[in-house]
Amino acid sequence: MLWPMAITLPRVRVSARDRAILADARRRLAAMTGRVVDFATAIAALAAAVEAAIPNGRVFVLGDGPIVGSQISGIGIVDTPTGIDVVCVARDGHVIRLERFA
């Protein structure tokens, strides 16, 4: 496993903008009927949602990877053995699992 074990902590605050971007990315994934939802597809949907919400917005590899998301908020997605999760990378580097993405 390349990233530290995530723990579930429901008290992490996710901004309204991050919630809207994640919702848009999920809608984009749902619209891709017939395509396998792999991590590359999820990254593409997240990147498109970020670009739609933020002028010149981009997603980045967080920490040592393989988490992809916002350098500012630390909210991102990661491929796990059980699916793609939404996580928060805390300032100290700990990874906090927030919810299932796909």
PDB file of N, CA and C in Angstrom:
ATOM      1  N   MET A   1       0.853  -1.176   0.000  1.00  0.00           N
ATOM      2  CA  MET A   1       0.000   0.000   0.000  1.00  0.00           C
ATOM      3  C   MET A   1       0.894   1.233   0.000  1.00  0.00           C
ATOM      4  N   LEU A   2       0.624   2.167  -0.903  1.00  0.00           N
ATOM      5  CA  LEU A   2       1.489   3.325  -1.063  1.00  0.00           C
ATOM      6  C   LEU A   2       1.119   4.509  -0.197  1.00  0.00           C
ATOM      7  N   TRP A   3      -0.063   4.514   0.368  1.00  0.00           N
ATOM      8  CA  TRP A   3      -0.490   5.663   1.178  1.00  0.00           C
ATOM      9  C   TRP A   3      -0.845   5.180   2.566  1.00  0.00           C
ATOM     10  N   PRO A   4      -0.718   6.055   3.571  1.00  0.00           N
ATOM     11  CA  PRO A   4      -1.004   5.636   4.939  1.00  0.00           C
ATOM     12  C   PRO A   4      -2.471   5.242   5.102  1.00  0.00           C
ATOM     13  N   MET A   5      -2.718   4.309   5.985  1.00  0.00           N
ATOM     14  CA  MET A   5      -4.078   3.835   6.216  1.00  0.00           C
ATOM     15  C   MET A   5      -4.980   4.995   6.602  1.00  0.00           C
ATOM     16  N   ALA A   6      -6.106   5.090   5.952  1.00  0.00           N
ATOM     17  CA  ALA A   6      -7.052   6.176   6.226  1.00  0.00           C
ATOM     18  C   ALA A   6      -7.951   5.792   7.392  1.00  0.00           C
ATOM     19  N   ILE A   7      -8.368   6.788   8.129  1.00  0.00           N
ATOM     20  CA  ILE A   7      -9.338   6.582   9.194  1.00  0.00           C
ATOM     21  C   ILE A   7     -10.566   7.426   8.882  1.00  0.00           C
ATOM     22  N   THR A   8     -11.702   7.005   9.357  1.00  0.00           N
ATOM     23  CA  THR A   8     -12.916   7.772   9.126  1.00  0.00           C
ATOM     24  C   THR A   8     -13.108   8.739  10.279  1.00  0.00           C
ATOM     25  N   LEU A   9     -13.205  10.015   9.963  1.00  0.00           N
ATOM     26  CA  LEU A   9     -13.427  11.059  10.957  1.00  0.00           C
ATOM     27  C   LEU A   9     -14.495  11.996  10.406  1.00  0.00           C
ATOM     28  N   PRO A  10     -15.739  11.859  10.816  1.00  0.00           N
ATOM     29  CA  PRO A  10     -16.805  12.652  10.213  1.00  0.00           C
ATOM     30  C   PRO A  10     -16.743  14.142  10.531  1.00  0.00           C
ATOM     31  N   ARG A  11     -15.850  14.567  11.405  1.00  0.00           N
ATOM     32  CA  ARG A  11     -15.802  15.974  11.801  1.00  0.00           C
ATOM     33  C   ARG A  11     -14.988  16.858  10.865  1.00  0.00           C
ATOM     34  N   VAL A  12     -14.430  16.288   9.817  1.00  0.00           N
ATOM     35  CA  VAL A  12     -13.671  17.088   8.856  1.00  0.00           C
ATOM     36  C   VAL A  12     -14.656  17.945   8.077  1.00  0.00           C
ATOM     37  N   ARG A  13     -14.371  19.236   7.987  1.00  0.00           N
ATOM     38  CA  ARG A  13     -15.255  20.147   7.254  1.00  0.00           C
ATOM     39  C   ARG A  13     -14.820  20.214   5.798  1.00  0.00           C
ATOM     40  N   VAL A  14     -15.790  19.995   4.940  1.00  0.00           N
ATOM     41  CA  VAL A  14     -15.549  20.089   3.499  1.00  0.00           C
ATOM     42  C   VAL A  14     -16.295  21.328   3.016  1.00  0.00           C
ATOM     43  N   SER A  15     -15.589  22.214   2.325  1.00  0.00           N
ATOM     44  CA  SER A  15     -16.192  23.474   1.895  1.00  0.00           C
ATOM     45  C   SER A  15     -17.332  23.236   0.910  1.00  0.00           C
ATOM     46  N   ALA A  16     -18.182  24.234   0.792  1.00  0.00           N
ATOM     47  CA  ALA A  16     -19.296  24.156  -0.160  1.00  0.00           C
ATOM     48  C   ALA A  16     -18.760  23.987  -1.581  1.00  0.00           C
ATOM     49  N   ARG A  17     -17.674  24.671  -1.905  1.00  0.00           N
ATOM     50  CA  ARG A  17     -17.107  24.540  -3.249  1.00  0.00           C
ATOM     51  C   ARG A  17     -16.585  23.131  -3.488  1.00  0.00           C
ATOM     52  N   ASP A  18     -15.871  22.552  -2.524  1.00  0.00           N
ATOM     53  CA  ASP A  18     -15.394  21.179  -2.686  1.00  0.00           C
ATOM     54  C   ASP A  18     -16.562  20.209  -2.820  1.00  0.00           C
ATOM     55  N   ARG A  19     -17.621  20.405  -2.015  1.00  0.00           N
ATOM     56  CA  ARG A  19     -18.802  19.530  -2.115  1.00  0.00           C
ATOM     57  C   ARG A  19     -19.439  19.653  -3.498  1.00  0.00           C
ATOM     58  N   ALA A  20     -19.538  20.878  -4.018  1.00  0.00           N
ATOM     59  CA  ALA A  20     -20.132  21.090  -5.345  1.00  0.00           C
ATOM     60  C   ALA A  20     -19.270  20.443  -6.441  1.00  0.00           C
ATOM     61  N   ILE A  21     -17.960  20.556  -6.317  1.00  0.00           N
ATOM     62  CA  ILE A  21     -17.062  19.954  -7.301  1.00  0.00           C
ATOM     63  C   ILE A  21     -17.188  18.436  -7.274  1.00  0.00           C
ATOM     64  N   LEU A  22     -17.217  17.842  -6.080  1.00  0.00           N
ATOM     65  CA  LEU A  22     -17.360  16.396  -5.982  1.00  0.00           C
ATOM     66  C   LEU A  22     -18.700  15.932  -6.554  1.00  0.00           C
ATOM     67  N   ALA A  23     -19.773  16.691  -6.286  1.00  0.00           N
ATOM     68  CA  ALA A  23     -21.091  16.339  -6.827  1.00  0.00           C
ATOM     69  C   ALA A  23     -21.076  16.411  -8.353  1.00  0.00           C
ATOM     70  N   ASP A  24     -20.458  17.450  -8.907  1.00  0.00           N
ATOM     71  CA  ASP A  24     -20.365  17.588 -10.358  1.00  0.00           C
ATOM     72  C   ASP A  24     -19.540  16.449 -10.951  1.00  0.00           C
ATOM     73  N   ALA A  25     -18.439  16.100 -10.307  1.00  0.00           N
ATOM     74  CA  ALA A  25     -17.605  14.997 -10.797  1.00  0.00           C
ATOM     75  C   ALA A  25     -18.387  13.686 -10.793  1.00  0.00           C
ATOM     76  N   ARG A  26     -19.189  13.466  -9.763  1.00  0.00           N
ATOM     77  CA  ARG A  26     -20.019  12.252  -9.719  1.00  0.00           C
ATOM     78  C   ARG A  26     -21.060  12.260 -10.842  1.00  0.00           C
ATOM     79  N   ARG A  27     -21.661  13.431 -11.114  1.00  0.00           N
ATOM     80  CA  ARG A  27     -22.618  13.533 -12.225  1.00  0.00           C
ATOM     81  C   ARG A  27     -21.929  13.228 -13.551  1.00  0.00           C
ATOM     82  N   ARG A  28     -20.731  13.731 -13.720  1.00  0.00           N
ATOM     83  CA  ARG A  28     -19.981  13.471 -14.953  1.00  0.00           C
ATOM     84  C   ARG A  28     -19.667  11.985 -15.099  1.00  0.00           C
ATOM     85  N   LEU A  29     -19.319  11.336 -13.998  1.00  0.00           N
ATOM     86  CA  LEU A  29     -19.082   9.887 -14.043  1.00  0.00           C
ATOM     87  C   LEU A  29     -20.353   9.136 -14.423  1.00  0.00           C
ATOM     88  N   ALA A  30     -21.465   9.526 -13.838  1.00  0.00           N
ATOM     89  CA  ALA A  30     -22.738   8.866 -14.127  1.00  0.00           C
ATOM     90  C   ALA A  30     -23.133   9.030 -15.591  1.00  0.00           C
ATOM     91  N   ALA A  31     -22.752  10.162 -16.194  1.00  0.00           N
ATOM     92  CA  ALA A  31     -23.086  10.425 -17.598  1.00  0.00           C
ATOM     93  C   ALA A  31     -22.233   9.591 -18.557  1.00  0.00           C
ATOM     94  N   MET A  32     -21.151   9.038 -18.056  1.00  0.00           N
ATOM     95  CA  MET A  32     -20.260   8.220 -18.887  1.00  0.00           C
ATOM     96  C   MET A  32     -20.736   6.774 -18.909  1.00  0.00           C
ATOM     97  N   THR A  33     -21.971   6.571 -19.320  1.00  0.00           N
ATOM     98  CA  THR A  33     -22.533   5.221 -19.328  1.00  0.00           C
ATOM     99  C   THR A  33     -21.741   4.337 -20.275  1.00  0.00           C
ATOM    100  N   GLY A  34     -21.577   3.101 -19.855  1.00  0.00           N
ATOM    101  CA  GLY A  34     -20.859   2.142 -20.672  1.00  0.00           C
ATOM    102  C   GLY A  34     -19.356   2.146 -20.474  1.00  0.00           C
ATOM    103  N   ARG A  35     -18.845   3.104 -19.704  1.00  0.00           N
ATOM    104  CA  ARG A  35     -17.404   3.147 -19.450  1.00  0.00           C
ATOM    105  C   ARG A  35     -17.110   2.570 -18.076  1.00  0.00           C
ATOM    106  N   VAL A  36     -16.013   1.892 -17.988  1.00  0.00           N
ATOM    107  CA  VAL A  36     -15.574   1.365 -16.700  1.00  0.00           C
ATOM    108  C   VAL A  36     -15.114   2.529 -15.841  1.00  0.00           C
ATOM    109  N   VAL A  37     -15.579   2.571 -14.599  1.00  0.00           N
ATOM    110  CA  VAL A  37     -15.161   3.645 -13.696  1.00  0.00           C
ATOM    111  C   VAL A  37     -13.876   3.202 -13.002  1.00  0.00           C
ATOM    112  N   ASP A  38     -12.771   3.521 -13.648  1.00  0.00           N
ATOM    113  CA  ASP A  38     -11.476   3.260 -13.045  1.00  0.00           C
ATOM    114  C   ASP A  38     -10.915   4.584 -12.519  1.00  0.00           C
ATOM    115  N   PHE A  39      -9.751   4.523 -11.922  1.00  0.00           N
ATOM    116  CA  PHE A  39      -9.200   5.723 -11.298  1.00  0.00           C
ATOM    117  C   PHE A  39      -8.906   6.812 -12.332  1.00  0.00           C
ATOM    118  N   ALA A  40      -8.440   6.430 -13.511  1.00  0.00           N
ATOM    119  CA  ALA A  40      -8.157   7.415 -14.554  1.00  0.00           C
ATOM    120  C   ALA A  40      -9.430   8.136 -14.988  1.00  0.00           C
ATOM    121  N   THR A  41     -10.532   7.414 -15.104  1.00  0.00           N
ATOM    122  CA  THR A  41     -11.808   8.021 -15.466  1.00  0.00           C
ATOM    123  C   THR A  41     -12.286   8.957 -14.365  1.00  0.00           C
ATOM    124  N   ALA A  42     -12.105   8.547 -13.122  1.00  0.00           N
ATOM    125  CA  ALA A  42     -12.500   9.384 -11.985  1.00  0.00           C
ATOM    126  C   ALA A  42     -11.668  10.663 -11.936  1.00  0.00           C
ATOM    127  N   ILE A  43     -10.381  10.552 -12.213  1.00  0.00           N
ATOM    128  CA  ILE A  43      -9.519  11.744 -12.241  1.00  0.00           C
ATOM    129  C   ILE A  43      -9.977  12.692 -13.346  1.00  0.00           C
ATOM    130  N   ALA A  44     -10.312  12.144 -14.515  1.00  0.00           N
ATOM    131  CA  ALA A  44     -10.769  12.977 -15.628  1.00  0.00           C
ATOM    132  C   ALA A  44     -12.065  13.702 -15.264  1.00  0.00           C
ATOM    133  N   ALA A  45     -12.990  13.005 -14.604  1.00  0.00           N
ATOM    134  CA  ALA A  45     -14.253  13.631 -14.195  1.00  0.00           C
ATOM    135  C   ALA A  45     -13.999  14.714 -13.149  1.00  0.00           C
ATOM    136  N   LEU A  46     -13.114  14.437 -12.199  1.00  0.00           N
ATOM    137  CA  LEU A  46     -12.788  15.429 -11.173  1.00  0.00           C
ATOM    138  C   LEU A  46     -12.111  16.645 -11.804  1.00  0.00           C
ATOM    139  N   ALA A  47     -11.174  16.425 -12.713  1.00  0.00           N
ATOM    140  CA  ALA A  47     -10.484  17.541 -13.360  1.00  0.00           C
ATOM    141  C   ALA A  47     -11.463  18.407 -14.159  1.00  0.00           C
ATOM    142  N   ALA A  48     -12.397  17.775 -14.859  1.00  0.00           N
ATOM    143  CA  ALA A  48     -13.392  18.538 -15.627  1.00  0.00           C
ATOM    144  C   ALA A  48     -14.290  19.345 -14.698  1.00  0.00           C
ATOM    145  N   ALA A  49     -14.667  18.766 -13.569  1.00  0.00           N
ATOM    146  CA  ALA A  49     -15.506  19.483 -12.603  1.00  0.00           C
ATOM    147  C   ALA A  49     -14.758  20.662 -11.994  1.00  0.00           C
ATOM    148  N   VAL A  50     -13.473  20.481 -11.706  1.00  0.00           N
ATOM    149  CA  VAL A  50     -12.654  21.572 -11.160  1.00  0.00           C
ATOM    150  C   VAL A  50     -12.533  22.696 -12.192  1.00  0.00           C
ATOM    151  N   GLU A  51     -12.259  22.330 -13.439  1.00  0.00           N
ATOM    152  CA  GLU A  51     -12.121  23.346 -14.493  1.00  0.00           C
ATOM    153  C   GLU A  51     -13.422  24.112 -14.701  1.00  0.00           C
ATOM    154  N   ALA A  52     -14.567  23.443 -14.532  1.00  0.00           N
ATOM    155  CA  ALA A  52     -15.856  24.119 -14.691  1.00  0.00           C
ATOM    156  C   ALA A  52     -16.136  25.077 -13.532  1.00  0.00           C
ATOM    157  N   ALA A  53     -15.651  24.759 -12.348  1.00  0.00           N
ATOM    158  CA  ALA A  53     -15.946  25.559 -11.158  1.00  0.00           C
ATOM    159  C   ALA A  53     -14.929  26.669 -10.901  1.00  0.00           C
ATOM    160  N   ILE A  54     -13.697  26.444 -11.306  1.00  0.00           N
ATOM    161  CA  ILE A  54     -12.614  27.376 -10.986  1.00  0.00           C
ATOM    162  C   ILE A  54     -11.874  27.735 -12.274  1.00  0.00           C
ATOM    163  N   PRO A  55     -11.853  29.004 -12.652  1.00  0.00           N
ATOM    164  CA  PRO A  55     -11.103  29.381 -13.852  1.00  0.00           C
ATOM    165  C   PRO A  55      -9.647  28.929 -13.743  1.00  0.00           C
ATOM    166  N   ASN A  56      -9.163  28.232 -14.757  1.00  0.00           N
ATOM    167  CA  ASN A  56      -7.802  27.681 -14.776  1.00  0.00           C
ATOM    168  C   ASN A  56      -7.544  26.710 -13.628  1.00  0.00           C
ATOM    169  N   GLY A  57      -8.606  26.116 -13.089  1.00  0.00           N
ATOM    170  CA  GLY A  57      -8.453  25.170 -11.984  1.00  0.00           C
ATOM    171  C   GLY A  57      -7.790  23.881 -12.436  1.00  0.00           C
ATOM    172  N   ARG A  58      -7.029  23.281 -11.530  1.00  0.00           N
ATOM    173  CA  ARG A  58      -6.342  22.028 -11.818  1.00  0.00           C
ATOM    174  C   ARG A  58      -6.381  21.130 -10.590  1.00  0.00           C
ATOM    175  N   VAL A  59      -6.162  19.857 -10.808  1.00  0.00           N
ATOM    176  CA  VAL A  59      -6.001  18.919  -9.704  1.00  0.00           C
ATOM    177  C   VAL A  59      -4.528  18.531  -9.639  1.00  0.00           C
ATOM    178  N   PHE A  60      -4.092  18.138  -8.454  1.00  0.00           N
ATOM    179  CA  PHE A  60      -2.690  17.837  -8.222  1.00  0.00           C
ATOM    180  C   PHE A  60      -2.555  16.514  -7.482  1.00  0.00           C
ATOM    181  N   VAL A  61      -1.375  15.918  -7.586  1.00  0.00           N
ATOM    182  CA  VAL A  61      -1.052  14.764  -6.756  1.00  0.00           C
ATOM    183  C   VAL A  61      -0.732  15.310  -5.373  1.00  0.00           C
ATOM    184  N   LEU A  62      -1.402  14.770  -4.351  1.00  0.00           N
ATOM    185  CA  LEU A  62      -1.217  15.249  -2.980  1.00  0.00           C
ATOM    186  C   LEU A  62      -0.248  14.348  -2.236  1.00  0.00           C
ATOM    187  N   GLY A  63       0.620  14.955  -1.473  1.00  0.00           N
ATOM    188  CA  GLY A  63       1.600  14.201  -0.694  1.00  0.00           C
ATOM    189  C   GLY A  63       2.471  13.375  -1.617  1.00  0.00           C
ATOM    190  N   ASP A  64       2.691  12.136  -1.229  1.00  0.00           N
ATOM    191  CA  ASP A  64       3.491  11.223  -2.044  1.00  0.00           C
ATOM    192  C   ASP A  64       2.622  10.469  -3.043  1.00  0.00           C
ATOM    193  N   GLY A  65       1.335  10.856  -3.140  1.00  0.00           N
ATOM    194  CA  GLY A  65       0.411  10.177  -4.040  1.00  0.00           C
ATOM    195  C   GLY A  65      -0.043   8.874  -3.433  1.00  0.00           C
ATOM    196  N   PRO A  66      -0.887   8.165  -4.043  1.00  0.00           N
ATOM    197  CA  PRO A  66      -1.566   8.406  -5.310  1.00  0.00           C
ATOM    198  C   PRO A  66      -2.892   9.150  -5.142  1.00  0.00           C
ATOM    199  N   ILE A  67      -2.935  10.129  -4.263  1.00  0.00           N
ATOM    200  CA  ILE A  67      -4.145  10.925  -4.037  1.00  0.00           C
ATOM    201  C   ILE A  67      -4.120  12.111  -5.007  1.00  0.00           C
ATOM    202  N   VAL A  68      -5.259  12.373  -5.650  1.00  0.00           N
ATOM    203  CA  VAL A  68      -5.361  13.474  -6.602  1.00  0.00           C
ATOM    204  C   VAL A  68      -6.459  14.408  -6.126  1.00  0.00           C
ATOM    205  N   GLY A  69      -6.149  15.709  -6.016  1.00  0.00           N
ATOM    206  CA  GLY A  69      -7.157  16.652  -5.559  1.00  0.00           C
ATOM    207  C   GLY A  69      -6.608  18.050  -5.387  1.00  0.00           C
ATOM    208  N   SER A  70      -7.137  18.758  -4.387  1.00  0.00           N
ATOM    209  CA  SER A  70      -6.825  20.162  -4.146  1.00  0.00           C
ATOM    210  C   SER A  70      -5.648  20.326  -3.191  1.00  0.00           C
ATOM    211  N   GLN A  71      -4.648  21.088  -3.627  1.00  0.00           N
ATOM    212  CA  GLN A  71      -3.532  21.391  -2.739  1.00  0.00           C
ATOM    213  C   GLN A  71      -3.959  22.339  -1.625  1.00  0.00           C
ATOM    214  N   ILE A  72      -4.969  23.137  -1.872  1.00  0.00           N
ATOM    215  CA  ILE A  72      -5.404  24.125  -0.886  1.00  0.00           C
ATOM    216  C   ILE A  72      -6.206  23.482   0.235  1.00  0.00           C
ATOM    217  N   SER A  73      -7.237  22.712  -0.127  1.00  0.00           N
ATOM    218  CA  SER A  73      -8.101  22.125   0.903  1.00  0.00           C
ATOM    219  C   SER A  73      -7.640  20.750   1.364  1.00  0.00           C
ATOM    220  N   GLY A  74      -6.843  20.070   0.547  1.00  0.00           N
ATOM    221  CA  GLY A  74      -6.415  18.715   0.882  1.00  0.00           C
ATOM    222  C   GLY A  74      -7.460  17.655   0.548  1.00  0.00           C
ATOM    223  N   ILE A  75      -8.581  18.060  -0.051  1.00  0.00           N
ATOM    224  CA  ILE A  75      -9.623  17.114  -0.422  1.00  0.00           C
ATOM    225  C   ILE A  75      -9.255  16.488  -1.762  1.00  0.00           C
ATOM    226  N   GLY A  76      -9.341  15.169  -1.834  1.00  0.00           N
ATOM    227  CA  GLY A  76      -8.985  14.495  -3.073  1.00  0.00           C
ATOM    228  C   GLY A  76      -9.598  13.115  -3.151  1.00  0.00           C
ATOM    229  N   ILE A  77      -9.230  12.393  -4.194  1.00  0.00           N
ATOM    230  CA  ILE A  77      -9.702  11.025  -4.368  1.00  0.00           C
ATOM    231  C   ILE A  77      -8.499  10.097  -4.416  1.00  0.00           C
ATOM    232  N   VAL A  78      -8.728   8.856  -4.005  1.00  0.00           N
ATOM    233  CA  VAL A  78      -7.667   7.853  -3.993  1.00  0.00           C
ATOM    234  C   VAL A  78      -8.266   6.511  -4.394  1.00  0.00           C
ATOM    235  N   ASP A  79      -7.489   5.743  -5.133  1.00  0.00           N
ATOM    236  CA  ASP A  79      -7.907   4.405  -5.537  1.00  0.00           C
ATOM    237  C   ASP A  79      -7.534   3.432  -4.425  1.00  0.00           C
ATOM    238  N   THR A  80      -8.516   2.703  -3.924  1.00  0.00           N
ATOM    239  CA  THR A  80      -8.283   1.729  -2.868  1.00  0.00           C
ATOM    240  C   THR A  80      -8.696   0.347  -3.382  1.00  0.00           C
ATOM    241  N   PRO A  81      -8.344  -0.707  -2.690  1.00  0.00           N
ATOM    242  CA  PRO A  81      -8.752  -2.043  -3.122  1.00  0.00           C
ATOM    243  C   PRO A  81     -10.273  -2.229  -3.186  1.00  0.00           C
ATOM    244  N   THR A  82     -11.013  -1.416  -2.449  1.00  0.00           N
ATOM    245  CA  THR A  82     -12.470  -1.560  -2.422  1.00  0.00           C
ATOM    246  C   THR A  82     -13.194  -0.521  -3.272  1.00  0.00           C
ATOM    247  N   GLY A  83     -12.483   0.350  -3.962  1.00  0.00           N
ATOM    248  CA  GLY A  83     -13.101   1.378  -4.796  1.00  0.00           C
ATOM    249  C   GLY A  83     -12.380   2.697  -4.648  1.00  0.00           C
ATOM    250  N   ILE A  84     -12.996   3.739  -5.175  1.00  0.00           N
ATOM    251  CA  ILE A  84     -12.397   5.080  -5.123  1.00  0.00           C
ATOM    252  C   ILE A  84     -13.034   5.844  -3.971  1.00  0.00           C
ATOM    253  N   ASP A  85     -12.202   6.389  -3.090  1.00  0.00           N
ATOM    254  CA  ASP A  85     -12.665   7.109  -1.904  1.00  0.00           C
ATOM    255  C   ASP A  85     -12.334   8.590  -1.994  1.00  0.00           C
ATOM    256  N   VAL A  86     -13.145   9.394  -1.304  1.00  0.00           N
ATOM    257  CA  VAL A  86     -12.831  10.802  -1.079  1.00  0.00           C
ATOM    258  C   VAL A  86     -12.083  10.857   0.249  1.00  0.00           C
ATOM    259  N   VAL A  87     -10.962  11.552   0.245  1.00  0.00           N
ATOM    260  CA  VAL A  87     -10.151  11.657   1.452  1.00  0.00           C
ATOM    261  C   VAL A  87      -9.753  13.112   1.677  1.00  0.00           C
ATOM    262  N   CYS A  88      -9.271  13.366   2.874  1.00  0.00           N
ATOM    263  CA  CYS A  88      -8.691  14.653   3.203  1.00  0.00           C
ATOM    264  C   CYS A  88      -7.264  14.393   3.685  1.00  0.00           C
ATOM    265  N   VAL A  89      -6.315  15.087   3.075  1.00  0.00           N
ATOM    266  CA  VAL A  89      -4.930  14.991   3.520  1.00  0.00           C
ATOM    267  C   VAL A  89      -4.717  16.138   4.498  1.00  0.00           C
ATOM    268  N   ALA A  90      -4.544  15.797   5.770  1.00  0.00           N
ATOM    269  CA  ALA A  90      -4.354  16.803   6.808  1.00  0.00           C
ATOM    270  C   ALA A  90      -2.983  17.463   6.640  1.00  0.00           C
ATOM    271  N   ARG A  91      -2.812  18.617   7.259  1.00  0.00           N
ATOM    272  CA  ARG A  91      -1.546  19.361   7.146  1.00  0.00           C
ATOM    273  C   ARG A  91      -0.352  18.533   7.618  1.00  0.00           C
ATOM    274  N   ASP A  92      -0.589  17.616   8.572  1.00  0.00           N
ATOM    275  CA  ASP A  92       0.505  16.787   9.063  1.00  0.00           C
ATOM    276  C   ASP A  92       0.734  15.548   8.214  1.00  0.00           C
ATOM    277  N   GLY A  93      -0.036  15.396   7.118  1.00  0.00           N
ATOM    278  CA  GLY A  93       0.155  14.286   6.201  1.00  0.00           C
ATOM    279  C   GLY A  93      -0.755  13.097   6.419  1.00  0.00           C
ATOM    280  N   HIS A  94      -1.482  13.081   7.534  1.00  0.00           N
ATOM    281  CA  HIS A  94      -2.410  11.978   7.768  1.00  0.00           C
ATOM    282  C   HIS A  94      -3.530  12.017   6.731  1.00  0.00           C
ATOM    283  N   VAL A  95      -3.955  10.835   6.309  1.00  0.00           N
ATOM    284  CA  VAL A  95      -5.042  10.718   5.333  1.00  0.00           C
ATOM    285  C   VAL A  95      -6.300  10.298   6.063  1.00  0.00           C
ATOM    286  N   ILE A  96      -7.350  11.077   5.887  1.00  0.00           N
ATOM    287  CA  ILE A  96      -8.616  10.831   6.564  1.00  0.00           C
ATOM    288  C   ILE A  96      -9.654  10.465   5.511  1.00  0.00           C
ATOM    289  N   ARG A  97     -10.206   9.265   5.597  1.00  0.00           N
ATOM    290  CA  ARG A  97     -11.234   8.837   4.664  1.00  0.00           C
ATOM    291  C   ARG A  97     -12.535   9.541   5.003  1.00  0.00           C
ATOM    292  N   LEU A  98     -13.164  10.148   3.980  1.00  0.00           N
ATOM    293  CA  LEU A  98     -14.409  10.861   4.193  1.00  0.00           C
ATOM    294  C   LEU A  98     -15.619  10.079   3.702  1.00  0.00           C
ATOM    295  N   GLU A  99     -15.542   9.521   2.495  1.00  0.00           N
ATOM    296  CA  GLU A  99     -16.686   8.809   1.932  1.00  0.00           C
ATOM    297  C   GLU A  99     -16.261   8.096   0.661  1.00  0.00           C
ATOM    298  N   ARG A 100     -17.158   7.278   0.150  1.00  0.00           N
ATOM    299  CA  ARG A 100     -16.941   6.599  -1.129  1.00  0.00           C
ATOM    300  C   ARG A 100     -17.192   7.609  -2.248  1.00  0.00           C
ATOM    301  N   PHE A 101     -16.320   7.604  -3.266  1.00  0.00           N
ATOM    302  CA  PHE A 101     -16.524   8.463  -4.429  1.00  0.00           C
ATOM    303  C   PHE A 101     -17.199   7.681  -5.547  1.00  0.00           C
ATOM    304  N   ALA A 102     -16.660   6.517  -5.863  1.00  0.00           N
ATOM    305  CA  ALA A 102     -17.235   5.685  -6.919  1.00  0.00           C
ATOM    306  C   ALA A 102     -16.913   4.232  -6.645  1.00  0.00           C
TER     307      ALA A 102
END
